[in-house]
Protein backbone atom coordinates (compact mmCIF):
# COMPACT_ATOMS: atom_id res chain seq x y z
CA MET A 1 35.32 2.49 -10.54
CA THR A 2 35.22 6.19 -10.77
CA ARG A 3 38.82 8.35 -9.92
CA ILE A 4 40.54 11.10 -10.05
CA ILE A 5 43.84 11.46 -11.75
CA ASN A 6 45.25 13.55 -8.63
CA ASP A 7 48.17 10.68 -7.50
CA GLN A 8 50.98 12.35 -8.77
CA ALA A 9 53.60 9.71 -7.08
CA ALA A 10 52.12 6.66 -8.33
CA GLY A 11 52.25 9.23 -11.37
CA LEU A 12 55.75 9.03 -11.58
CA ARG A 13 56.57 6.03 -10.72
CA GLY A 14 53.71 4.47 -13.38
CA LEU A 15 56.70 6.95 -15.98
CA ALA A 16 59.91 5.23 -14.38
CA ALA A 17 58.51 1.93 -15.21
CA LEU A 18 57.29 3.59 -19.19
CA ARG A 19 61.08 4.29 -19.83
CA ALA A 20 61.92 1.61 -17.99
CA LYS A 21 60.43 -1.06 -20.93
CA ASP A 22 60.44 1.41 -23.72
CA THR A 23 56.91 1.19 -24.13
CA VAL A 24 55.56 3.85 -26.25
CA ARG A 25 52.28 4.77 -24.64
CA ILE A 26 49.33 4.92 -27.18
CA ILE A 27 46.45 6.90 -26.54
CA THR A 28 43.34 6.94 -28.57
CA ILE A 29 41.00 10.26 -28.70
CA ALA A 30 37.70 8.62 -29.47
CA GLY A 31 34.07 11.23 -29.42
CA GLY A 32 30.21 10.02 -29.35
CA LYS A 33 29.75 12.94 -32.39
CA GLU A 34 30.50 16.07 -34.34
CA GLY A 35 31.93 19.72 -33.31
CA VAL A 36 33.30 18.14 -29.92
CA GLY A 37 36.24 19.46 -30.19
CA LYS A 38 37.76 16.08 -30.48
CA THR A 39 40.29 17.00 -33.99
CA SER A 40 41.78 19.92 -31.67
CA THR A 41 41.79 18.61 -28.35
CA VAL A 42 44.90 15.77 -30.16
CA ILE A 43 46.69 18.75 -32.06
CA ASN A 44 47.45 20.30 -28.44
CA LEU A 45 48.20 17.61 -26.82
CA ALA A 46 50.86 16.17 -29.30
CA MET A 47 51.89 19.81 -29.01
CA THR A 48 51.78 19.80 -25.72
CA LEU A 49 54.30 16.68 -25.10
CA ALA A 50 56.51 17.60 -28.04
CA ARG A 51 56.77 20.69 -26.27
CA ASN A 52 58.14 18.57 -23.27
CA GLY A 53 60.25 16.21 -24.68
CA LYS A 54 58.32 14.00 -25.93
CA ARG A 55 58.74 12.45 -29.41
CA VAL A 56 54.64 12.58 -30.37
CA LEU A 57 52.59 11.09 -33.31
CA ILE A 58 49.91 11.86 -34.99
CA LEU A 59 47.46 9.07 -35.56
CA ASP A 60 44.91 10.23 -38.18
CA GLU A 61 42.05 8.78 -39.27
CA ASN A 62 39.98 11.41 -40.36
CA PRO A 63 38.77 12.21 -43.48
CA ARG A 64 36.69 15.02 -43.12
CA HIS A 65 38.23 19.23 -44.56
CA ASN A 66 38.96 19.91 -40.44
CA ASN A 67 40.99 16.40 -40.26
CA VAL A 68 44.76 16.83 -38.09
CA ASN A 69 46.57 18.08 -41.50
CA ALA A 70 43.93 21.26 -41.67
CA ASN A 71 44.03 22.62 -38.58
CA LEU A 72 48.15 22.62 -39.03
CA GLY A 73 48.54 23.74 -42.37
CA LEU A 74 49.96 20.95 -44.27
CA LYS A 75 48.94 18.85 -47.10
CA ALA A 76 48.49 14.92 -47.35
CA ARG A 77 50.17 14.29 -50.65
CA TYR A 78 50.46 10.16 -50.10
CA ASP A 79 48.73 7.89 -46.81
CA LEU A 80 48.82 4.81 -45.19
CA LEU A 81 47.18 2.96 -48.21
CA HIS A 82 50.17 4.42 -50.45
CA VAL A 83 53.18 2.29 -48.13
CA ILE A 84 51.02 -0.39 -47.87
CA ASN A 85 50.51 -0.75 -52.00
CA ARG A 86 54.62 -0.44 -51.37
CA ASP A 87 54.57 3.01 -53.19
CA LYS A 88 55.95 5.47 -51.22
CA THR A 89 57.82 4.17 -47.78
CA LEU A 90 56.74 5.06 -44.26
CA GLU A 91 58.59 7.95 -44.41
CA GLU A 92 57.64 9.43 -47.21
CA VAL A 93 54.07 8.79 -46.38
CA ILE A 94 54.66 10.84 -42.28
CA LEU A 95 54.61 14.63 -42.52
CA GLN A 96 56.52 16.74 -39.84
CA GLY A 97 54.09 19.11 -37.98
CA PRO A 98 54.53 22.32 -35.44
CA HIS A 99 57.37 21.01 -32.54
CA ASP A 100 58.65 18.38 -35.41
CA VAL A 101 55.43 16.14 -34.18
CA SER A 102 55.53 13.76 -37.03
CA VAL A 103 51.03 13.23 -38.46
CA LEU A 104 50.40 10.25 -40.86
CA THR A 105 47.20 10.28 -42.90
CA ALA A 106 45.81 6.67 -42.64
CA THR A 107 42.35 6.38 -43.84
CA ARG A 108 42.40 4.60 -46.08
CA GLY A 109 45.31 2.54 -44.86
CA ILE A 110 43.67 1.18 -41.82
CA HIS A 111 40.24 0.57 -43.39
CA ALA A 112 42.52 -1.69 -45.38
CA LEU A 113 44.57 -4.39 -42.29
CA ALA A 114 42.17 -6.65 -42.30
CA LYS A 115 42.44 -7.03 -46.21
CA LEU A 116 45.92 -8.36 -45.52
CA ASN A 117 47.57 -11.03 -46.79
CA PRO A 118 50.58 -12.41 -43.68
CA GLU A 119 53.25 -10.97 -46.15
CA ASP A 120 52.18 -7.84 -46.32
CA GLN A 121 50.94 -8.07 -42.31
CA GLU A 122 55.02 -8.91 -41.51
CA TRP A 123 55.82 -6.33 -43.68
CA LEU A 124 53.91 -2.91 -43.11
CA ILE A 125 54.64 -4.00 -39.04
CA GLN A 126 58.70 -3.93 -40.19
CA CYS A 127 57.88 -0.74 -41.94
CA PHE A 128 56.66 0.18 -38.78
CA GLY A 129 59.43 -1.03 -36.66
CA GLU A 130 62.56 0.23 -38.93
CA LEU A 131 61.25 3.71 -37.85
CA SER A 132 64.30 6.21 -38.51
CA LYS A 133 62.64 8.86 -35.91
CA PRO A 134 61.81 7.11 -32.66
CA VAL A 135 58.23 7.18 -30.67
CA ASP A 136 57.64 7.96 -27.17
CA VAL A 137 53.52 8.47 -27.42
CA VAL A 138 50.91 7.92 -30.96
CA LEU A 139 47.60 9.71 -30.04
CA VAL A 140 45.60 8.54 -32.55
CA ASP A 141 42.68 10.33 -34.10
CA THR A 142 39.35 8.66 -35.43
CA ALA A 143 36.51 9.95 -37.66
CA MET A 144 33.08 9.59 -36.65
CA GLY A 145 30.27 7.74 -37.23
CA SER A 146 29.96 4.29 -39.39
CA THR A 147 33.27 4.88 -41.74
CA SER A 148 35.35 4.45 -38.39
CA HIS A 149 37.37 2.41 -37.57
CA VAL A 150 37.65 3.46 -33.42
CA LEU A 151 36.84 -0.04 -32.09
CA PRO A 152 39.68 -1.74 -33.22
CA LEU A 153 42.65 1.48 -32.99
CA SER A 154 41.01 1.48 -29.21
CA LEU A 155 41.31 -2.21 -28.90
CA ALA A 156 44.78 -1.60 -29.69
CA SER A 157 45.45 1.44 -27.68
CA GLN A 158 46.57 1.18 -24.03
CA GLN A 159 44.17 4.05 -23.37
CA VAL A 160 41.16 5.93 -24.83
CA LEU A 161 40.33 9.30 -24.15
CA ILE A 162 36.35 10.49 -24.51
CA VAL A 163 35.80 13.62 -25.73
CA LEU A 164 32.66 14.98 -24.21
CA SER A 165 30.99 18.15 -24.16
CA GLY A 166 27.92 19.66 -21.67
CA SER A 167 25.13 19.05 -25.03
CA PRO A 168 22.57 15.59 -23.54
CA SER A 169 23.21 13.73 -27.40
CA SER A 170 27.68 14.84 -26.88
CA ILE A 171 27.35 12.97 -23.88
CA THR A 172 24.13 10.10 -24.06
CA ASP A 173 26.23 9.50 -27.59
CA ALA A 174 29.54 9.04 -25.34
CA TYR A 175 28.34 6.74 -22.78
CA LYS A 176 27.47 4.65 -26.32
CA LEU A 177 30.26 4.26 -27.30
CA ILE A 178 31.63 3.79 -23.54
CA LYS A 179 29.04 0.90 -23.68
CA ILE A 180 29.85 -0.84 -26.68
CA MET A 181 33.54 -1.55 -25.80
CA SER A 182 32.68 -3.16 -22.54
CA LYS A 183 31.16 -4.83 -23.21
CA GLU A 184 31.44 -6.54 -26.56
CA TYR A 185 34.33 -5.77 -27.02
CA ALA A 186 36.14 -5.62 -22.96
CA LYS A 187 37.48 -2.80 -22.97
CA GLN A 188 36.95 -1.36 -19.06
CA HIS A 189 39.01 1.50 -18.53
CA PHE A 190 38.38 4.72 -20.53
CA LEU A 191 40.05 8.22 -20.30
CA ILE A 192 36.99 11.19 -20.02
CA LEU A 193 37.53 15.22 -20.88
CA VAL A 194 34.63 17.54 -20.86
CA ASN A 195 34.89 20.00 -23.79
CA LYS A 196 32.79 23.33 -23.78
CA VAL A 197 32.12 23.87 -19.90
CA GLY A 198 31.27 27.26 -18.41
CA SER A 199 33.19 25.44 -15.35
CA GLU A 200 35.49 23.17 -13.64
CA HIS A 201 32.18 22.27 -11.37
CA GLN A 202 30.07 22.08 -14.28
CA ALA A 203 32.96 20.06 -15.68
CA TYR A 204 32.74 17.92 -12.73
CA THR A 205 29.41 18.30 -13.01
CA ILE A 206 28.92 16.02 -16.76
CA PHE A 207 31.79 13.00 -15.69
CA ASP A 208 30.68 12.70 -12.63
CA ASN A 209 26.36 11.71 -14.55
CA ILE A 210 27.76 10.17 -16.65
CA SER A 211 30.67 8.19 -14.27
CA LYS A 212 26.80 7.05 -12.19
CA VAL A 213 25.86 5.70 -14.80
CA ALA A 214 28.49 3.67 -16.21
CA GLN A 215 28.71 2.60 -12.29
CA GLN A 216 25.88 1.07 -12.47
CA HIS A 217 25.43 -0.29 -15.40
CA LEU A 218 28.89 -0.61 -17.06
CA SER A 219 31.39 -2.44 -15.11
CA VAL A 220 34.33 0.08 -15.69
CA SER A 221 36.37 2.72 -14.63
CA LEU A 222 36.09 6.25 -15.74
CA ASP A 223 38.64 8.45 -15.17
CA PHE A 224 37.83 12.89 -15.10
CA MET A 225 41.53 13.85 -17.38
CA GLY A 226 40.44 17.46 -16.42
CA CYS A 227 38.43 19.96 -18.80
CA ILE A 228 38.79 22.84 -21.12
CA PRO A 229 37.00 25.69 -20.70
CA THR A 230 34.66 27.55 -23.80
CA ASP A 231 37.26 30.17 -25.01
CA GLU A 232 37.34 32.36 -28.37
CA LYS A 233 40.53 32.02 -28.39
CA LEU A 234 40.96 28.48 -28.78
CA GLN A 235 38.59 29.31 -32.15
CA ARG A 236 40.58 31.96 -33.02
CA SER A 237 43.61 29.70 -33.28
CA THR A 238 41.91 27.42 -35.21
CA GLN A 239 41.80 29.89 -38.20
CA LEU A 240 44.54 30.47 -38.27
CA CYS A 241 45.93 26.77 -38.61
CA ARG A 242 47.71 27.33 -35.25
CA PRO A 243 47.83 25.19 -32.04
CA VAL A 244 46.03 27.05 -29.05
CA VAL A 245 49.41 25.98 -26.57
CA ASP A 246 51.58 28.16 -29.36
CA ALA A 247 48.91 31.14 -30.23
CA PHE A 248 47.56 31.52 -26.98
CA PRO A 249 49.39 30.44 -24.37
CA ALA A 250 48.12 32.44 -21.69
CA SER A 251 44.72 32.06 -22.60
CA PRO A 252 42.42 29.76 -20.59
CA SER A 253 42.49 26.04 -23.23
CA ALA A 254 45.69 26.68 -23.42
CA THR A 255 46.29 26.61 -19.44
CA GLY A 256 43.73 23.62 -19.76
CA PHE A 257 44.93 21.46 -22.89
CA ARG A 258 48.73 22.39 -20.71
CA ARG A 259 47.34 20.43 -17.37
CA ILE A 260 45.73 17.56 -18.97
CA ALA A 261 48.81 16.41 -21.32
CA GLU A 262 50.88 16.58 -18.06
CA ASP A 263 48.07 14.32 -16.33
CA LEU A 264 47.84 12.05 -19.28
CA ILE A 265 51.64 11.29 -18.96
CA TYR A 266 51.43 10.49 -15.64
CA SER A 267 48.54 8.55 -15.37
CA SER A 268 47.81 4.79 -14.66
CA CYS A 269 48.14 2.30 -17.96
CA PRO A 270 45.85 -1.14 -16.65
CA ASP A 271 45.95 -1.47 -20.63
CA ASP A 272 49.56 -2.06 -20.68
CA TYR A 273 50.76 -3.56 -23.19
CA SER A 274 54.80 -3.74 -24.18
CA GLY A 275 56.47 -2.94 -27.22
CA GLY A 276 56.77 -0.48 -29.84
CA VAL A 277 54.80 1.49 -31.97
CA GLU A 278 54.97 -1.08 -34.10
CA ASN A 279 53.80 -3.97 -31.92
CA PHE A 280 50.22 -1.64 -31.77
CA MET A 281 50.32 -2.34 -35.44
CA GLN A 282 50.74 -5.51 -34.76
CA ARG A 283 47.93 -5.31 -32.76
CA LEU A 284 45.66 -3.75 -34.71
CA ILE A 285 46.08 -5.11 -37.53
CA ARG A 286 45.13 -8.69 -35.29
CA ILE A 287 41.71 -6.62 -34.09
CA SER A 288 40.82 -5.76 -37.37
CA HIS A 289 40.01 -8.90 -38.08
CA LEU A 290 36.76 -9.08 -35.37
CA ASN A 291 32.96 -8.37 -36.43
CA MET A 292 32.96 -4.34 -35.87
CA ALA A 293 29.02 -4.85 -36.44
CA ASN A 294 28.03 -3.35 -33.41
CA LEU A 295 29.71 -0.65 -34.14
CA THR A 296 26.62 1.86 -34.55
CA ALA A 297 24.73 -0.20 -32.19
């Protein structure tokens, strides 16, 4: 089933339900290949949500030089593994970025989750449950390739946002990722953002093509969240280590990110897991024990 997010009344009802249950919204952002703009999407959505009153935590799985911290001019001395080893507290590891967005570097820690004994599992879950600052939204920036834990992160999240560009390889790799999650792990709902395109018409054509193939071969629901146009200001803001929504708020890409952030938080959430960020960590630990052999298929 394919649909466009345009029912604001339904979105507001969904948001009211979210607040009523005090549930943290967990959104994993993934891409089929490098270079589609996944990390800049995470950062700009986080900043937009924070400026609109949401308390945002970015969980950064990306170990590369151009990860979230590098793009924000932050330097992470510690990561989630230091918390797991009880060398540092979770509060000491989390960094504060612009607009008080929190960033948790988690690559090594996520890889260690499947090896934790029951006592350490409970202790780590408790650490997340005792965060001094409440969290409304968690955005997960996944790594690329065989070292990524994109599957457990996605399966433990309420929503998965797939970022793709107009290149044929990007579309093909995104479809492969959706296929693995749906056929092997029963994930049925995906949000699609088309990046680096010349127009909204071009973006929707790309989305329509991938959604038709998915509708024909997979039992999944794809939602078109919108597009980010090709924009020199976005590249310039990255060089400045600033989100484009802050550096160039009137640019086409900044306008696109603001629109998508609003639609994202108002969108329906079929995989509506309840609870706070500690419940997400509990799910992530459990799912990390699954056999993820098909990750690179």
